[in-house]
Amino acid sequence: MNHLLPEMPVRVSALRTLGAYANVFALESFMDELALAAGADPVEFRLRHLSDPRAKAVIETVAAKAGWRPGTRGGDGRGRGIGFAKYKNLATYVAVVAEVEVDRESGEVKVPRAWAAADAGLVVNPDGLSNQIEGGVIQSTSWTLREAVEFDGTRILTGDWANYQILRMPEVPTVQVTLIDRPGEKSVGAGEAAQGPAVAAIANAVANATGRRIRDLPLTAGRVKAALT
């Protein structure tokens, strides 16, 4: 249901970004909170509440590849987290496990490694699909840890690349991608499928590493340090 407002005091349009990124961050962060409240492992909790075998398969696959063990999510500044989504409920299934290191003094978050499992139906170009998923995880890591456009009361302050922070090459995580080929299924889009699960996995890993749930992005050093003090 919607209500059209043809006359507005300012010109509005869609922000050029991915809605799934923010939505999956919120949904999958809350999924981890539910698992914690239930005293359950986050992987087991997701599997318990899923009936789609393809959804279960990507979660089980990425957990196995990452060597996920129930009850060992992290602490003392180190942690792992998981995120899952079926992009737009009709495209590629992706599950991501991220490993983080959090400096409690500075608040700096590092993501040294990540694992991803993807089911895009029939795989036509495995190398292209793997690259797409890997690139999505890396882009999401940059968004999650660094990227933001800042404003004051009158203008945009982030006017150039010197002020718009992105992930540097030495900070890029090592990403291992596993594809699940489904020859009997149609090929579906994978272009924006990894970003949502990746941000959720990082946020959940930070919560597991620090014991504090941060609900605002990006997870800058200042924001994380403030949450820990």
Protein backbone atom coordinates (compact mmCIF):
# COMPACT_ATOMS: atom_id res chain seq x y z
CA MET A 1 0.00 0.00 0.00
CA ASN A 2 1.36 3.45 -0.85
CA HIS A 3 0.32 7.09 -0.95
CA LEU A 4 1.58 9.25 -3.82
CA LEU A 5 2.63 12.81 -3.03
CA PRO A 6 3.02 14.53 -6.42
CA GLU A 7 4.05 17.88 -4.89
CA MET A 8 7.09 17.90 -2.62
CA PRO A 9 9.14 20.78 -1.18
CA VAL A 10 12.34 19.14 -2.44
CA ARG A 11 13.06 16.94 -5.44
CA VAL A 12 13.28 13.30 -4.40
CA SER A 13 14.29 10.09 -6.08
CA ALA A 14 15.78 6.70 -5.29
CA LEU A 15 19.17 6.76 -3.60
CA ARG A 16 21.58 4.84 -5.82
CA THR A 17 22.31 2.04 -3.44
CA LEU A 18 21.14 -1.47 -2.67
CA GLY A 19 18.06 -1.80 -0.50
CA ALA A 20 18.92 -5.43 0.21
CA TYR A 21 22.19 -4.38 1.85
CA ALA A 22 20.44 -2.45 4.63
CA ASN A 23 17.48 -4.81 4.85
CA VAL A 24 19.57 -7.97 5.22
CA PHE A 25 21.83 -6.21 7.74
CA ALA A 26 18.79 -5.51 9.91
CA LEU A 27 17.07 -8.87 9.42
CA GLU A 28 20.11 -11.06 9.89
CA SER A 29 21.42 -9.04 12.83
CA PHE A 30 18.07 -9.59 14.54
CA MET A 31 18.21 -13.27 13.59
CA ASP A 32 21.43 -13.56 15.58
CA GLU A 33 19.83 -11.73 18.50
CA LEU A 34 16.98 -14.24 18.42
CA ALA A 35 19.45 -17.13 18.39
CA LEU A 36 21.25 -15.64 21.38
CA ALA A 37 17.96 -15.21 23.27
CA ALA A 38 17.09 -18.83 22.48
CA GLY A 39 20.49 -20.05 23.64
CA ALA A 40 21.09 -21.53 20.18
CA ASP A 41 23.99 -21.54 17.76
CA PRO A 42 23.32 -19.04 14.92
CA VAL A 43 23.88 -21.62 12.18
CA GLU A 44 21.72 -24.26 13.84
CA PHE A 45 19.04 -21.66 14.61
CA ARG A 46 18.76 -20.62 10.97
CA LEU A 47 18.66 -24.20 9.74
CA ARG A 48 15.98 -25.08 12.28
CA HIS A 49 13.68 -22.35 10.92
CA LEU A 50 14.23 -22.97 7.21
CA SER A 51 12.31 -25.40 5.02
CA ASP A 52 13.91 -24.52 1.65
CA PRO A 53 16.61 -27.16 0.97
CA ARG A 54 18.59 -24.79 -1.24
CA ALA A 55 18.70 -22.19 1.52
CA LYS A 56 19.86 -24.82 3.97
CA ALA A 57 22.50 -26.06 1.55
CA VAL A 58 24.33 -22.72 1.22
CA ILE A 59 24.34 -22.26 5.00
CA GLU A 60 25.59 -25.80 5.63
CA THR A 61 28.21 -25.46 2.90
CA VAL A 62 29.66 -22.16 4.09
CA ALA A 63 29.67 -23.35 7.71
CA ALA A 64 31.61 -26.47 6.70
CA LYS A 65 34.10 -24.52 4.57
CA ALA A 66 34.71 -22.05 7.40
CA GLY A 67 35.07 -24.82 9.97
CA TRP A 68 32.20 -23.40 12.01
CA ARG A 69 31.83 -25.11 15.39
CA PRO A 70 28.79 -24.48 17.60
CA GLY A 71 29.60 -22.57 20.75
CA THR A 72 32.83 -21.02 19.44
CA ARG A 73 31.60 -17.77 17.93
CA GLY A 74 34.32 -15.66 19.53
CA GLY A 75 35.22 -13.17 22.22
CA ASP A 76 38.18 -11.05 23.39
CA GLY A 77 38.19 -9.02 20.20
CA ARG A 78 37.97 -11.92 17.77
CA GLY A 79 34.81 -13.39 16.36
CA ARG A 80 32.94 -15.01 13.54
CA GLY A 81 29.49 -14.30 12.23
CA ILE A 82 27.14 -15.61 9.58
CA GLY A 83 24.67 -13.92 7.25
CA PHE A 84 22.25 -15.40 4.73
CA ALA A 85 19.78 -14.17 2.12
CA LYS A 86 18.04 -15.15 -1.07
CA TYR A 87 18.46 -11.97 -3.09
CA LYS A 88 15.12 -10.20 -3.50
CA ASN A 89 13.48 -13.55 -2.61
CA LEU A 90 13.84 -14.67 -6.23
CA ALA A 91 17.51 -14.74 -7.23
CA THR A 92 20.78 -16.15 -5.86
CA TYR A 93 21.03 -17.81 -2.45
CA VAL A 94 24.17 -16.63 -0.61
CA ALA A 95 25.53 -17.38 2.84
CA VAL A 96 28.66 -15.69 4.19
CA VAL A 97 30.82 -16.34 7.23
CA ALA A 98 33.13 -13.46 8.20
CA GLU A 99 36.02 -13.46 10.63
CA VAL A 100 36.82 -10.19 12.40
CA GLU A 101 39.45 -8.72 14.70
CA VAL A 102 38.44 -5.75 16.84
CA ASP A 103 40.97 -3.49 18.59
CA ARG A 104 39.13 -2.54 21.77
CA GLU A 105 41.41 0.45 22.39
CA SER A 106 41.01 2.11 18.98
CA GLY A 107 37.73 0.51 17.88
CA GLU A 108 39.26 -0.50 14.55
CA VAL A 109 37.66 -3.52 12.88
CA LYS A 110 39.56 -5.78 10.49
CA VAL A 111 38.08 -8.56 8.36
CA PRO A 112 40.97 -10.86 7.49
CA ARG A 113 38.90 -13.70 6.02
CA ALA A 114 35.47 -14.50 4.68
CA TRP A 115 33.80 -17.52 3.16
CA ALA A 116 30.80 -17.51 0.83
CA ALA A 117 28.54 -20.19 -0.65
CA ALA A 118 26.25 -19.34 -3.54
CA ASP A 119 23.46 -21.08 -5.44
CA ALA A 120 22.54 -19.22 -8.63
CA GLY A 121 20.84 -22.17 -10.28
CA LEU A 122 22.53 -23.52 -13.40
CA VAL A 123 26.10 -22.19 -13.41
CA VAL A 124 27.07 -21.12 -16.93
CA ASN A 125 30.34 -19.33 -16.13
CA PRO A 126 31.81 -20.55 -12.81
CA ASP A 127 34.75 -18.11 -12.86
CA GLY A 128 32.49 -15.15 -13.56
CA LEU A 129 30.04 -16.15 -10.84
CA SER A 130 32.81 -16.69 -8.28
CA ASN A 131 34.30 -13.31 -9.14
CA GLN A 132 30.89 -11.66 -8.78
CA ILE A 133 30.34 -13.14 -5.31
CA GLU A 134 33.89 -12.36 -4.18
CA GLY A 135 33.63 -8.79 -5.45
CA GLY A 136 30.32 -8.35 -3.66
CA VAL A 137 31.82 -9.48 -0.36
CA ILE A 138 34.77 -7.10 -0.75
CA GLN A 139 32.55 -4.17 -1.76
CA SER A 140 30.27 -4.87 1.19
CA THR A 141 33.25 -4.95 3.54
CA SER A 142 34.25 -1.50 2.33
CA TRP A 143 30.72 -0.15 2.78
CA THR A 144 30.45 -1.75 6.21
CA LEU A 145 33.74 -0.54 7.67
CA ARG A 146 34.41 2.75 5.90
CA GLU A 147 32.02 4.29 3.43
CA ALA A 148 29.73 7.17 4.38
CA VAL A 149 28.63 10.52 2.97
CA GLU A 150 28.67 13.15 5.71
CA PHE A 151 26.53 16.28 5.96
CA ASP A 152 26.24 19.33 8.15
CA GLY A 153 23.13 21.50 8.39
CA THR A 154 23.52 22.97 4.92
CA ARG A 155 25.74 20.90 2.66
CA ILE A 156 27.51 17.65 1.84
CA LEU A 157 30.93 17.51 3.47
CA THR A 158 32.18 14.47 1.58
CA GLY A 159 33.02 16.14 -1.71
CA ASP A 160 36.05 14.17 -2.92
CA TRP A 161 37.91 10.89 -2.59
CA ALA A 162 40.17 12.32 0.11
CA ASN A 163 37.14 12.63 2.38
CA TYR A 164 35.25 9.55 1.23
CA GLN A 165 37.01 6.63 2.84
CA ILE A 166 37.14 3.22 1.13
CA LEU A 167 38.83 -0.05 1.99
CA ARG A 168 42.54 -0.05 1.14
CA MET A 169 44.15 -2.93 -0.70
CA PRO A 170 46.01 -4.29 2.38
CA GLU A 171 42.67 -4.36 4.22
CA VAL A 172 40.84 -6.51 1.66
CA PRO A 173 39.82 -9.86 3.15
CA THR A 174 40.76 -13.20 1.68
CA VAL A 175 37.50 -14.57 0.29
CA GLN A 176 36.83 -18.24 -0.45
CA VAL A 177 33.80 -18.83 -2.67
CA THR A 178 32.02 -22.17 -3.09
CA LEU A 179 29.42 -22.56 -5.82
CA ILE A 180 26.52 -25.00 -5.69
CA ASP A 181 25.57 -25.87 -9.25
CA ARG A 182 21.92 -26.69 -9.95
CA PRO A 183 21.76 -27.97 -13.58
CA GLY A 184 18.04 -28.60 -13.28
CA GLU A 185 17.29 -25.02 -12.21
CA LYS A 186 17.22 -21.81 -14.25
CA SER A 187 20.15 -19.40 -13.96
CA VAL A 188 19.33 -16.36 -11.84
CA GLY A 189 20.95 -13.00 -11.14
CA ALA A 190 23.92 -12.82 -8.80
CA GLY A 191 25.14 -9.25 -9.35
CA GLU A 192 24.07 -7.83 -5.99
CA ALA A 193 23.48 -11.01 -4.01
CA ALA A 194 26.53 -11.11 -1.72
CA GLN A 195 26.49 -7.63 -0.22
CA GLY A 196 23.61 -8.21 2.22
CA PRO A 197 24.85 -11.48 3.71
CA ALA A 198 28.38 -10.03 3.96
CA VAL A 199 27.39 -6.97 6.03
CA ALA A 200 25.28 -9.18 8.30
CA ALA A 201 28.13 -11.64 8.77
CA ILE A 202 30.55 -8.83 9.67
CA ALA A 203 28.11 -7.15 12.06
CA ASN A 204 27.32 -10.45 13.75
CA ALA A 205 31.02 -11.25 14.02
CA VAL A 206 31.68 -7.88 15.68
CA ALA A 207 28.87 -8.56 18.15
CA ASN A 208 30.34 -11.97 18.92
CA ALA A 209 33.85 -10.53 19.27
CA THR A 210 32.88 -7.69 21.62
CA GLY A 211 29.61 -8.67 23.27
CA ARG A 212 28.07 -5.42 21.99
CA ARG A 213 25.48 -5.14 19.24
CA ILE A 214 26.04 -2.11 16.98
CA ARG A 215 22.98 -1.20 14.94
CA ASP A 216 24.32 1.70 12.88
CA LEU A 217 26.59 1.63 9.84
CA PRO A 218 29.38 2.00 8.93
CA LEU A 219 31.31 0.24 11.69
CA THR A 220 33.97 2.91 11.89
CA ALA A 221 36.61 2.89 14.59
CA GLY A 222 34.95 5.84 16.32
CA ARG A 223 31.53 4.24 16.35
CA VAL A 224 32.82 0.88 17.59
CA LYS A 225 35.00 2.50 20.28
CA ALA A 226 32.01 4.52 21.52
CA ALA A 227 29.93 1.33 21.74
CA LEU A 228 32.63 -0.38 23.80
CA THR A 229 33.07 2.41 26.35
